[in-house]
Amino acid sequence: MTTRHLKVIILSALLSGCAGIQSQLDNEKISSLRYDNVACPALVAQRNQAVAEISRLTNGRGYQDPNVITGFGPFLPDYRTANQKQAGALQGQADSMTRSIDRRKCTG
């Protein structure tokens, strides 16, 4: 085994101990069923508040999932900034609220 191989093995072992970015992104996707018991007007207000907070955290650009190279998601650490992580979690909530609103045909 060469020194080069040893470095790759050590780096792989270190990265595997970290929570990969893919698992963090997966955790941001939540079921919309949890919002089905919330009254429509309250849910629309919560969703709008979450969307406004996402806009504030991203300086008006909106949240976009990071471009993770296919296959490397489980190994890459979550390199997003604190604001991006918070915006990602809020985006997951806003998306599920929107699905609940659409499914129940809430009008606001």
PDB file of N, CA and C in Angstrom:
ATOM      1  N   MET A   1       0.857  -1.172   0.000  1.00  0.00           N
ATOM      2  CA  MET A   1       0.000   0.000   0.000  1.00  0.00           C
ATOM      3  C   MET A   1       0.901   1.232   0.000  1.00  0.00           C
ATOM      4  N   THR A   2       0.587   2.157  -0.886  1.00  0.00           N
ATOM      5  CA  THR A   2       1.389   3.366  -0.985  1.00  0.00           C
ATOM      6  C   THR A   2       0.862   4.428  -0.024  1.00  0.00           C
ATOM      7  N   THR A   3       1.638   5.468   0.141  1.00  0.00           N
ATOM      8  CA  THR A   3       1.234   6.588   0.994  1.00  0.00           C
ATOM      9  C   THR A   3      -0.007   7.255   0.432  1.00  0.00           C
ATOM     10  N   ARG A   4      -0.102   7.299  -0.857  1.00  0.00           N
ATOM     11  CA  ARG A   4      -1.276   7.906  -1.498  1.00  0.00           C
ATOM     12  C   ARG A   4      -2.554   7.154  -1.121  1.00  0.00           C
ATOM     13  N   HIS A   5      -2.503   5.836  -1.155  1.00  0.00           N
ATOM     14  CA  HIS A   5      -3.667   5.034  -0.789  1.00  0.00           C
ATOM     15  C   HIS A   5      -4.033   5.230   0.671  1.00  0.00           C
ATOM     16  N   LEU A   6      -3.032   5.340   1.518  1.00  0.00           N
ATOM     17  CA  LEU A   6      -3.273   5.536   2.945  1.00  0.00           C
ATOM     18  C   LEU A   6      -3.991   6.864   3.193  1.00  0.00           C
ATOM     19  N   LYS A   7      -3.587   7.912   2.475  1.00  0.00           N
ATOM     20  CA  LYS A   7      -4.238   9.214   2.626  1.00  0.00           C
ATOM     21  C   LYS A   7      -5.700   9.140   2.214  1.00  0.00           C
ATOM     22  N   VAL A   8      -5.982   8.452   1.123  1.00  0.00           N
ATOM     23  CA  VAL A   8      -7.358   8.307   0.646  1.00  0.00           C
ATOM     24  C   VAL A   8      -8.189   7.516   1.662  1.00  0.00           C
ATOM     25  N   ILE A   9      -7.625   6.474   2.227  1.00  0.00           N
ATOM     26  CA  ILE A   9      -8.345   5.662   3.209  1.00  0.00           C
ATOM     27  C   ILE A   9      -8.642   6.478   4.464  1.00  0.00           C
ATOM     28  N   ILE A  10      -7.675   7.237   4.930  1.00  0.00           N
ATOM     29  CA  ILE A  10      -7.871   8.067   6.125  1.00  0.00           C
ATOM     30  C   ILE A  10      -8.924   9.138   5.861  1.00  0.00           C
ATOM     31  N   LEU A  11      -8.837   9.792   4.718  1.00  0.00           N
ATOM     32  CA  LEU A  11      -9.821  10.823   4.371  1.00  0.00           C
ATOM     33  C   LEU A  11     -11.224  10.222   4.272  1.00  0.00           C
ATOM     34  N   SER A  12     -11.348   9.065   3.666  1.00  0.00           N
ATOM     35  CA  SER A  12     -12.652   8.398   3.552  1.00  0.00           C
ATOM     36  C   SER A  12     -13.211   8.044   4.925  1.00  0.00           C
ATOM     37  N   ALA A  13     -12.349   7.557   5.800  1.00  0.00           N
ATOM     38  CA  ALA A  13     -12.795   7.198   7.151  1.00  0.00           C
ATOM     39  C   ALA A  13     -13.261   8.426   7.918  1.00  0.00           C
ATOM     40  N   LEU A  14     -12.543   9.538   7.770  1.00  0.00           N
ATOM     41  CA  LEU A  14     -12.934  10.760   8.457  1.00  0.00           C
ATOM     42  C   LEU A  14     -14.261  11.299   7.946  1.00  0.00           C
ATOM     43  N   LEU A  15     -14.440  11.299   6.636  1.00  0.00           N
ATOM     44  CA  LEU A  15     -15.671  11.817   6.050  1.00  0.00           C
ATOM     45  C   LEU A  15     -16.867  10.924   6.339  1.00  0.00           C
ATOM     46  N   SER A  16     -16.651   9.635   6.464  1.00  0.00           N
ATOM     47  CA  SER A  16     -17.780   8.743   6.722  1.00  0.00           C
ATOM     48  C   SER A  16     -18.342   8.942   8.121  1.00  0.00           C
ATOM     49  N   GLY A  17     -17.552   9.495   9.033  1.00  0.00           N
ATOM     50  CA  GLY A  17     -18.027   9.769  10.381  1.00  0.00           C
ATOM     51  C   GLY A  17     -18.900  11.005  10.456  1.00  0.00           C
ATOM     52  N   CYS A  18     -18.846  11.855   9.459  1.00  0.00           N
ATOM     53  CA  CYS A  18     -19.649  13.082   9.445  1.00  0.00           C
ATOM     54  C   CYS A  18     -21.028  12.782   8.863  1.00  0.00           C
ATOM     55  N   ALA A  19     -21.983  13.579   9.272  1.00  0.00           N
ATOM     56  CA  ALA A  19     -23.305  13.458   8.657  1.00  0.00           C
ATOM     57  C   ALA A  19     -23.189  13.998   7.236  1.00  0.00           C
ATOM     58  N   GLY A  20     -23.525  13.188   6.266  1.00  0.00           N
ATOM     59  CA  GLY A  20     -23.421  13.612   4.882  1.00  0.00           C
ATOM     60  C   GLY A  20     -24.487  14.620   4.528  1.00  0.00           C
ATOM     61  N   ILE A  21     -24.192  15.427   3.523  1.00  0.00           N
ATOM     62  CA  ILE A  21     -25.133  16.459   3.100  1.00  0.00           C
ATOM     63  C   ILE A  21     -26.431  15.829   2.597  1.00  0.00           C
ATOM     64  N   GLN A  22     -26.337  14.651   1.977  1.00  0.00           N
ATOM     65  CA  GLN A  22     -27.551  14.031   1.444  1.00  0.00           C
ATOM     66  C   GLN A  22     -28.530  13.685   2.553  1.00  0.00           C
ATOM     67  N   SER A  23     -28.032  13.197   3.677  1.00  0.00           N
ATOM     68  CA  SER A  23     -28.947  12.860   4.771  1.00  0.00           C
ATOM     69  C   SER A  23     -29.602  14.119   5.331  1.00  0.00           C
ATOM     70  N   GLN A  24     -28.868  15.221   5.354  1.00  0.00           N
ATOM     71  CA  GLN A  24     -29.447  16.478   5.816  1.00  0.00           C
ATOM     72  C   GLN A  24     -30.522  16.967   4.849  1.00  0.00           C
ATOM     73  N   LEU A  25     -30.257  16.863   3.561  1.00  0.00           N
ATOM     74  CA  LEU A  25     -31.243  17.270   2.553  1.00  0.00           C
ATOM     75  C   LEU A  25     -32.488  16.385   2.629  1.00  0.00           C
ATOM     76  N   ASP A  26     -32.286  15.093   2.855  1.00  0.00           N
ATOM     77  CA  ASP A  26     -33.414  14.172   2.972  1.00  0.00           C
ATOM     78  C   ASP A  26     -34.281  14.517   4.182  1.00  0.00           C
ATOM     79  N   ASN A  27     -33.647  14.936   5.274  1.00  0.00           N
ATOM     80  CA  ASN A  27     -34.390  15.294   6.483  1.00  0.00           C
ATOM     81  C   ASN A  27     -35.246  16.537   6.290  1.00  0.00           C
ATOM     82  N   GLU A  28     -34.910  17.357   5.318  1.00  0.00           N
ATOM     83  CA  GLU A  28     -35.674  18.579   5.061  1.00  0.00           C
ATOM     84  C   GLU A  28     -36.978  18.301   4.320  1.00  0.00           C
ATOM     85  N   LYS A  29     -37.091  17.138   3.724  1.00  0.00           N
ATOM     86  CA  LYS A  29     -38.311  16.766   3.003  1.00  0.00           C
ATOM     87  C   LYS A  29     -39.239  16.080   4.002  1.00  0.00           C
ATOM     88  N   ILE A  30     -40.380  16.703   4.295  1.00  0.00           N
ATOM     89  CA  ILE A  30     -41.281  16.152   5.306  1.00  0.00           C
ATOM     90  C   ILE A  30     -42.670  15.923   4.716  1.00  0.00           C
ATOM     91  N   SER A  31     -43.419  15.063   5.374  1.00  0.00           N
ATOM     92  CA  SER A  31     -44.761  14.720   4.914  1.00  0.00           C
ATOM     93  C   SER A  31     -45.721  15.879   5.134  1.00  0.00           C
ATOM     94  N   SER A  32     -46.615  16.049   4.199  1.00  0.00           N
ATOM     95  CA  SER A  32     -47.621  17.102   4.315  1.00  0.00           C
ATOM     96  C   SER A  32     -48.777  16.684   5.217  1.00  0.00           C
ATOM     97  N   LEU A  33     -48.860  15.424   5.550  1.00  0.00           N
ATOM     98  CA  LEU A  33     -49.962  14.934   6.376  1.00  0.00           C
ATOM     99  C   LEU A  33     -49.968  15.569   7.766  1.00  0.00           C
ATOM    100  N   ARG A  34     -48.806  15.963   8.246  1.00  0.00           N
ATOM    101  CA  ARG A  34     -48.735  16.573   9.575  1.00  0.00           C
ATOM    102  C   ARG A  34     -49.477  17.907   9.632  1.00  0.00           C
ATOM    103  N   TYR A  35     -49.739  18.526   8.485  1.00  0.00           N
ATOM    104  CA  TYR A  35     -50.415  19.823   8.449  1.00  0.00           C
ATOM    105  C   TYR A  35     -51.907  19.708   8.156  1.00  0.00           C
ATOM    106  N   ASP A  36     -52.393  18.501   7.933  1.00  0.00           N
ATOM    107  CA  ASP A  36     -53.801  18.336   7.562  1.00  0.00           C
ATOM    108  C   ASP A  36     -54.773  18.680   8.686  1.00  0.00           C
ATOM    109  N   ASN A  37     -54.320  18.714   9.920  1.00  0.00           N
ATOM    110  CA  ASN A  37     -55.196  19.059  11.046  1.00  0.00           C
ATOM    111  C   ASN A  37     -55.178  20.550  11.360  1.00  0.00           C
ATOM    112  N   VAL A  38     -54.376  21.314  10.644  1.00  0.00           N
ATOM    113  CA  VAL A  38     -54.304  22.765  10.862  1.00  0.00           C
ATOM    114  C   VAL A  38     -55.366  23.436   9.991  1.00  0.00           C
ATOM    115  N   ALA A  39     -56.102  24.368  10.588  1.00  0.00           N
ATOM    116  CA  ALA A  39     -57.141  25.082   9.832  1.00  0.00           C
ATOM    117  C   ALA A  39     -56.514  25.799   8.632  1.00  0.00           C
ATOM    118  N   CYS A  40     -57.242  25.828   7.530  1.00  0.00           N
ATOM    119  CA  CYS A  40     -56.723  26.402   6.282  1.00  0.00           C
ATOM    120  C   CYS A  40     -56.185  27.827   6.438  1.00  0.00           C
ATOM    121  N   PRO A  41     -56.929  28.754   7.031  1.00  0.00           N
ATOM    122  CA  PRO A  41     -56.393  30.118   7.137  1.00  0.00           C
ATOM    123  C   PRO A  41     -55.086  30.185   7.946  1.00  0.00           C
ATOM    124  N   ALA A  42     -55.029  29.396   9.020  1.00  0.00           N
ATOM    125  CA  ALA A  42     -53.810  29.376   9.835  1.00  0.00           C
ATOM    126  C   ALA A  42     -52.644  28.764   9.059  1.00  0.00           C
ATOM    127  N   LEU A  43     -52.913  27.717   8.289  1.00  0.00           N
ATOM    128  CA  LEU A  43     -51.862  27.057   7.521  1.00  0.00           C
ATOM    129  C   LEU A  43     -51.332  27.961   6.418  1.00  0.00           C
ATOM    130  N   VAL A  44     -52.225  28.653   5.732  1.00  0.00           N
ATOM    131  CA  VAL A  44     -51.789  29.593   4.692  1.00  0.00           C
ATOM    132  C   VAL A  44     -50.919  30.688   5.314  1.00  0.00           C
ATOM    133  N   ALA A  45     -51.311  31.176   6.478  1.00  0.00           N
ATOM    134  CA  ALA A  45     -50.528  32.214   7.155  1.00  0.00           C
ATOM    135  C   ALA A  45     -49.148  31.687   7.559  1.00  0.00           C
ATOM    136  N   GLN A  46     -49.097  30.451   8.074  1.00  0.00           N
ATOM    137  CA  GLN A  46     -47.810  29.840   8.455  1.00  0.00           C
ATOM    138  C   GLN A  46     -46.909  29.665   7.236  1.00  0.00           C
ATOM    139  N   ARG A  47     -47.508  29.202   6.146  1.00  0.00           N
ATOM    140  CA  ARG A  47     -46.727  28.993   4.917  1.00  0.00           C
ATOM    141  C   ARG A  47     -46.175  30.322   4.406  1.00  0.00           C
ATOM    142  N   ASN A  48     -47.014  31.360   4.399  1.00  0.00           N
ATOM    143  CA  ASN A  48     -46.568  32.669   3.928  1.00  0.00           C
ATOM    144  C   ASN A  48     -45.464  33.229   4.810  1.00  0.00           C
ATOM    145  N   GLN A  49     -45.564  32.989   6.106  1.00  0.00           N
ATOM    146  CA  GLN A  49     -44.519  33.440   7.029  1.00  0.00           C
ATOM    147  C   GLN A  49     -43.205  32.695   6.760  1.00  0.00           C
ATOM    148  N   ALA A  50     -43.290  31.389   6.516  1.00  0.00           N
ATOM    149  CA  ALA A  50     -42.092  30.600   6.212  1.00  0.00           C
ATOM    150  C   ALA A  50     -41.443  31.082   4.915  1.00  0.00           C
ATOM    151  N   VAL A  51     -42.260  31.360   3.902  1.00  0.00           N
ATOM    152  CA  VAL A  51     -41.739  31.835   2.613  1.00  0.00           C
ATOM    153  C   VAL A  51     -41.068  33.197   2.774  1.00  0.00           C
ATOM    154  N   ALA A  52     -41.653  34.076   3.592  1.00  0.00           N
ATOM    155  CA  ALA A  52     -41.041  35.389   3.838  1.00  0.00           C
ATOM    156  C   ALA A  52     -39.704  35.236   4.550  1.00  0.00           C
ATOM    157  N   GLU A  53     -39.634  34.295   5.488  1.00  0.00           N
ATOM    158  CA  GLU A  53     -38.379  34.067   6.212  1.00  0.00           C
ATOM    159  C   GLU A  53     -37.319  33.480   5.289  1.00  0.00           C
ATOM    160  N   ILE A  54     -37.714  32.602   4.389  1.00  0.00           N
ATOM    161  CA  ILE A  54     -36.769  32.049   3.399  1.00  0.00           C
ATOM    162  C   ILE A  54     -36.211  33.176   2.550  1.00  0.00           C
ATOM    163  N   SER A  55     -37.069  34.074   2.113  1.00  0.00           N
ATOM    164  CA  SER A  55     -36.639  35.208   1.304  1.00  0.00           C
ATOM    165  C   SER A  55     -35.645  36.082   2.075  1.00  0.00           C
ATOM    166  N   ARG A  56     -35.919  36.287   3.356  1.00  0.00           N
ATOM    167  CA  ARG A  56     -35.016  37.102   4.182  1.00  0.00           C
ATOM    168  C   ARG A  56     -33.654  36.415   4.331  1.00  0.00           C
ATOM    169  N   LEU A  57     -33.682  35.109   4.589  1.00  0.00           N
ATOM    170  CA  LEU A  57     -32.434  34.364   4.802  1.00  0.00           C
ATOM    171  C   LEU A  57     -31.585  34.265   3.537  1.00  0.00           C
ATOM    172  N   THR A  58     -32.231  34.305   2.389  1.00  0.00           N
ATOM    173  CA  THR A  58     -31.503  34.142   1.120  1.00  0.00           C
ATOM    174  C   THR A  58     -31.368  35.457   0.355  1.00  0.00           C
ATOM    175  N   ASN A  59     -31.634  36.556   1.028  1.00  0.00           N
ATOM    176  CA  ASN A  59     -31.552  37.884   0.402  1.00  0.00           C
ATOM    177  C   ASN A  59     -32.416  37.985  -0.850  1.00  0.00           C
ATOM    178  N   GLY A  60     -33.615  37.414  -0.773  1.00  0.00           N
ATOM    179  CA  GLY A  60     -34.571  37.525  -1.868  1.00  0.00           C
ATOM    180  C   GLY A  60     -34.365  36.559  -3.015  1.00  0.00           C
ATOM    181  N   ARG A  61     -33.367  35.702  -2.945  1.00  0.00           N
ATOM    182  CA  ARG A  61     -33.087  34.775  -4.052  1.00  0.00           C
ATOM    183  C   ARG A  61     -33.891  33.487  -3.964  1.00  0.00           C
ATOM    184  N   GLY A  62     -34.445  33.191  -2.801  1.00  0.00           N
ATOM    185  CA  GLY A  62     -35.156  31.926  -2.628  1.00  0.00           C
ATOM    186  C   GLY A  62     -34.174  30.793  -2.407  1.00  0.00           C
ATOM    187  N   TYR A  63     -34.665  29.713  -1.844  1.00  0.00           N
ATOM    188  CA  TYR A  63     -33.793  28.571  -1.543  1.00  0.00           C
ATOM    189  C   TYR A  63     -33.655  27.666  -2.751  1.00  0.00           C
ATOM    190  N   GLN A  64     -32.433  27.201  -2.975  1.00  0.00           N
ATOM    191  CA  GLN A  64     -32.173  26.206  -4.014  1.00  0.00           C
ATOM    192  C   GLN A  64     -31.330  25.109  -3.399  1.00  0.00           C
ATOM    193  N   ASP A  65     -31.728  23.853  -3.640  1.00  0.00           N
ATOM    194  CA  ASP A  65     -30.918  22.740  -3.155  1.00  0.00           C
ATOM    195  C   ASP A  65     -29.524  22.846  -3.746  1.00  0.00           C
ATOM    196  N   PRO A  66     -28.501  22.539  -2.961  1.00  0.00           N
ATOM    197  CA  PRO A  66     -27.145  22.592  -3.504  1.00  0.00           C
ATOM    198  C   PRO A  66     -26.938  21.517  -4.573  1.00  0.00           C
ATOM    199  N   ASN A  67     -26.067  21.797  -5.498  1.00  0.00           N
ATOM    200  CA  ASN A  67     -25.735  20.825  -6.536  1.00  0.00           C
ATOM    201  C   ASN A  67     -24.718  19.849  -5.963  1.00  0.00           C
ATOM    202  N   VAL A  68     -25.205  18.671  -5.616  1.00  0.00           N
ATOM    203  CA  VAL A  68     -24.327  17.639  -5.062  1.00  0.00           C
ATOM    204  C   VAL A  68     -24.042  16.642  -6.174  1.00  0.00           C
ATOM    205  N   ILE A  69     -22.777  16.356  -6.378  1.00  0.00           N
ATOM    206  CA  ILE A  69     -22.383  15.407  -7.420  1.00  0.00           C
ATOM    207  C   ILE A  69     -22.968  14.041  -7.082  1.00  0.00           C
ATOM    208  N   THR A  70     -23.650  13.445  -8.036  1.00  0.00           N
ATOM    209  CA  THR A  70     -24.299  12.157  -7.828  1.00  0.00           C
ATOM    210  C   THR A  70     -23.303  11.144  -7.283  1.00  0.00           C
ATOM    211  N   GLY A  71     -23.712  10.502  -6.209  1.00  0.00           N
ATOM    212  CA  GLY A  71     -22.876   9.473  -5.596  1.00  0.00           C
ATOM    213  C   GLY A  71     -22.030   9.974  -4.449  1.00  0.00           C
ATOM    214  N   PHE A  72     -21.820  11.294  -4.344  1.00  0.00           N
ATOM    215  CA  PHE A  72     -20.970  11.828  -3.284  1.00  0.00           C
ATOM    216  C   PHE A  72     -21.761  12.383  -2.104  1.00  0.00           C
ATOM    217  N   GLY A  73     -23.096  12.462  -2.224  1.00  0.00           N
ATOM    218  CA  GLY A  73     -23.937  13.024  -1.162  1.00  0.00           C
ATOM    219  C   GLY A  73     -23.727  12.408   0.204  1.00  0.00           C
ATOM    220  N   PRO A  74     -23.641  11.070   0.298  1.00  0.00           N
ATOM    221  CA  PRO A  74     -23.452  10.472   1.618  1.00  0.00           C
ATOM    222  C   PRO A  74     -22.077  10.751   2.231  1.00  0.00           C
ATOM    223  N   PHE A  75     -21.123  11.165   1.424  1.00  0.00           N
ATOM    224  CA  PHE A  75     -19.763  11.338   1.916  1.00  0.00           C
ATOM    225  C   PHE A  75     -19.376  12.794   2.149  1.00  0.00           C
ATOM    226  N   LEU A  76     -20.043  13.713   1.446  1.00  0.00           N
ATOM    227  CA  LEU A  76     -19.713  15.126   1.603  1.00  0.00           C
ATOM    228  C   LEU A  76     -20.342  15.678   2.879  1.00  0.00           C
ATOM    229  N   PRO A  77     -19.604  16.455   3.641  1.00  0.00           N
ATOM    230  CA  PRO A  77     -20.213  17.100   4.803  1.00  0.00           C
ATOM    231  C   PRO A  77     -21.181  18.194   4.341  1.00  0.00           C
ATOM    232  N   ASP A  78     -22.069  18.608   5.213  1.00  0.00           N
ATOM    233  CA  ASP A  78     -23.027  19.664   4.876  1.00  0.00           C
ATOM    234  C   ASP A  78     -22.270  20.984   4.886  1.00  0.00           C
ATOM    235  N   TYR A  79     -21.921  21.472   3.721  1.00  0.00           N
ATOM    236  CA  TYR A  79     -21.067  22.656   3.584  1.00  0.00           C
ATOM    237  C   TYR A  79     -21.866  23.946   3.463  1.00  0.00           C
ATOM    238  N   ARG A  80     -23.188  23.878   3.595  1.00  0.00           N
ATOM    239  CA  ARG A  80     -24.001  25.085   3.467  1.00  0.00           C
ATOM    240  C   ARG A  80     -23.811  26.002   4.673  1.00  0.00           C
ATOM    241  N   THR A  81     -24.085  27.294   4.468  1.00  0.00           N
ATOM    242  CA  THR A  81     -24.001  28.253   5.571  1.00  0.00           C
ATOM    243  C   THR A  81     -25.181  28.022   6.512  1.00  0.00           C
ATOM    244  N   ALA A  82     -25.115  28.626   7.686  1.00  0.00           N
ATOM    245  CA  ALA A  82     -26.205  28.492   8.658  1.00  0.00           C
ATOM    246  C   ALA A  82     -27.525  29.001   8.068  1.00  0.00           C
ATOM    247  N   ASN A  83     -27.476  30.123   7.349  1.00  0.00           N
ATOM    248  CA  ASN A  83     -28.690  30.654   6.723  1.00  0.00           C
ATOM    249  C   ASN A  83     -29.242  29.697   5.670  1.00  0.00           C
ATOM    250  N   GLN A  84     -28.357  29.079   4.885  1.00  0.00           N
ATOM    251  CA  GLN A  84     -28.801  28.135   3.862  1.00  0.00           C
ATOM    252  C   GLN A  84     -29.439  26.903   4.497  1.00  0.00           C
ATOM    253  N   LYS A  85     -28.859  26.432   5.605  1.00  0.00           N
ATOM    254  CA  LYS A  85     -29.428  25.270   6.295  1.00  0.00           C
ATOM    255  C   LYS A  85     -30.809  25.607   6.847  1.00  0.00           C
ATOM    256  N   GLN A  86     -30.935  26.775   7.463  1.00  0.00           N
ATOM    257  CA  GLN A  86     -32.220  27.189   8.021  1.00  0.00           C
ATOM    258  C   GLN A  86     -33.250  27.390   6.901  1.00  0.00           C
ATOM    259  N   ALA A  87     -32.823  28.009   5.812  1.00  0.00           N
ATOM    260  CA  ALA A  87     -33.724  28.215   4.675  1.00  0.00           C
ATOM    261  C   ALA A  87     -34.147  26.875   4.076  1.00  0.00           C
ATOM    262  N   GLY A  88     -33.250  25.911   4.034  1.00  0.00           N
ATOM    263  CA  GLY A  88     -33.578  24.586   3.513  1.00  0.00           C
ATOM    264  C   GLY A  88     -34.642  23.897   4.354  1.00  0.00           C
ATOM    265  N   ALA A  89     -34.498  23.974   5.673  1.00  0.00           N
ATOM    266  CA  ALA A  89     -35.489  23.372   6.569  1.00  0.00           C
ATOM    267  C   ALA A  89     -36.840  24.071   6.402  1.00  0.00           C
ATOM    268  N   LEU A  90     -36.821  25.396   6.321  1.00  0.00           N
ATOM    269  CA  LEU A  90     -38.064  26.147   6.130  1.00  0.00           C
ATOM    270  C   LEU A  90     -38.699  25.848   4.779  1.00  0.00           C
ATOM    271  N   GLN A  91     -37.873  25.667   3.757  1.00  0.00           N
ATOM    272  CA  GLN A  91     -38.397  25.345   2.426  1.00  0.00           C
ATOM    273  C   GLN A  91     -39.104  23.996   2.446  1.00  0.00           C
ATOM    274  N   GLY A  92     -38.523  23.030   3.155  1.00  0.00           N
ATOM    275  CA  GLY A  92     -39.175  21.728   3.288  1.00  0.00           C
ATOM    276  C   GLY A  92     -40.530  21.855   3.958  1.00  0.00           C
ATOM    277  N   GLN A  93     -40.602  22.685   5.002  1.00  0.00           N
ATOM    278  CA  GLN A  93     -41.877  22.907   5.693  1.00  0.00           C
ATOM    279  C   GLN A  93     -42.868  23.620   4.773  1.00  0.00           C
ATOM    280  N   ALA A  94     -42.407  24.664   4.087  1.00  0.00           N
ATOM    281  CA  ALA A  94     -43.291  25.419   3.190  1.00  0.00           C
ATOM    282  C   ALA A  94     -43.813  24.527   2.066  1.00  0.00           C
ATOM    283  N   ASP A  95     -42.952  23.673   1.518  1.00  0.00           N
ATOM    284  CA  ASP A  95     -43.392  22.753   0.455  1.00  0.00           C
ATOM    285  C   ASP A  95     -44.466  21.804   0.966  1.00  0.00           C
ATOM    286  N   SER A  96     -44.274  21.252   2.186  1.00  0.00           N
ATOM    287  CA  SER A  96     -45.300  20.342   2.706  1.00  0.00           C
ATOM    288  C   SER A  96     -46.583  21.064   3.027  1.00  0.00           C
ATOM    289  N   MET A  97     -46.475  22.294   3.543  1.00  0.00           N
ATOM    290  CA  MET A  97     -47.695  23.071   3.798  1.00  0.00           C
ATOM    291  C   MET A  97     -48.442  23.320   2.486  1.00  0.00           C
ATOM    292  N   THR A  98     -47.710  23.643   1.440  1.00  0.00           N
ATOM    293  CA  THR A  98     -48.329  23.900   0.137  1.00  0.00           C
ATOM    294  C   THR A  98     -49.034  22.648  -0.379  1.00  0.00           C
ATOM    295  N   ARG A  99     -48.411  21.486  -0.208  1.00  0.00           N
ATOM    296  CA  ARG A  99     -49.058  20.238  -0.648  1.00  0.00           C
ATOM    297  C   ARG A  99     -50.347  20.000   0.130  1.00  0.00           C
ATOM    298  N   SER A 100     -50.333  20.268   1.444  1.00  0.00           N
ATOM    299  CA  SER A 100     -51.548  20.105   2.249  1.00  0.00           C
ATOM    300  C   SER A 100     -52.616  21.099   1.814  1.00  0.00           C
ATOM    301  N   ILE A 101     -52.215  22.337   1.563  1.00  0.00           N
ATOM    302  CA  ILE A 101     -53.151  23.377   1.116  1.00  0.00           C
ATOM    303  C   ILE A 101     -53.778  22.990  -0.224  1.00  0.00           C
ATOM    304  N   ASP A 102     -52.954  22.531  -1.146  1.00  0.00           N
ATOM    305  CA  ASP A 102     -53.456  22.140  -2.472  1.00  0.00           C
ATOM    306  C   ASP A 102     -54.381  20.934  -2.384  1.00  0.00           C
ATOM    307  N   ARG A 103     -53.990  19.941  -1.602  1.00  0.00           N
ATOM    308  CA  ARG A 103     -54.793  18.729  -1.502  1.00  0.00           C
ATOM    309  C   ARG A 103     -56.165  19.009  -0.889  1.00  0.00           C
ATOM    310  N   ARG A 104     -56.203  19.921   0.101  1.00  0.00           N
ATOM    311  CA  ARG A 104     -57.463  20.233   0.771  1.00  0.00           C
ATOM    312  C   ARG A 104     -58.215  21.372   0.082  1.00  0.00           C
ATOM    313  N   LYS A 105     -57.596  21.917  -0.959  1.00  0.00           N
ATOM    314  CA  LYS A 105     -58.203  23.028  -1.737  1.00  0.00           C
ATOM    315  C   LYS A 105     -58.519  24.229  -0.843  1.00  0.00           C
ATOM    316  N   CYS A 106     -57.565  24.566   0.023  1.00  0.00           N
ATOM    317  CA  CYS A 106     -57.728  25.741   0.875  1.00  0.00           C
ATOM    318  C   CYS A 106     -57.658  27.000   0.006  1.00  0.00           C
ATOM    319  N   THR A 107     -58.421  27.990   0.361  1.00  0.00           N
ATOM    320  CA  THR A 107     -58.435  29.221  -0.422  1.00  0.00           C
ATOM    321  C   THR A 107     -57.798  30.373   0.327  1.00  0.00           C
ATOM    322  N   GLY A 108     -57.389  30.165   1.541  1.00  0.00           N
ATOM    323  CA  GLY A 108     -56.708  31.247   2.253  1.00  0.00           C
ATOM    324  C   GLY A 108     -57.497  31.736   3.378  1.00  0.00           C
TER     325      GLY A 108
END
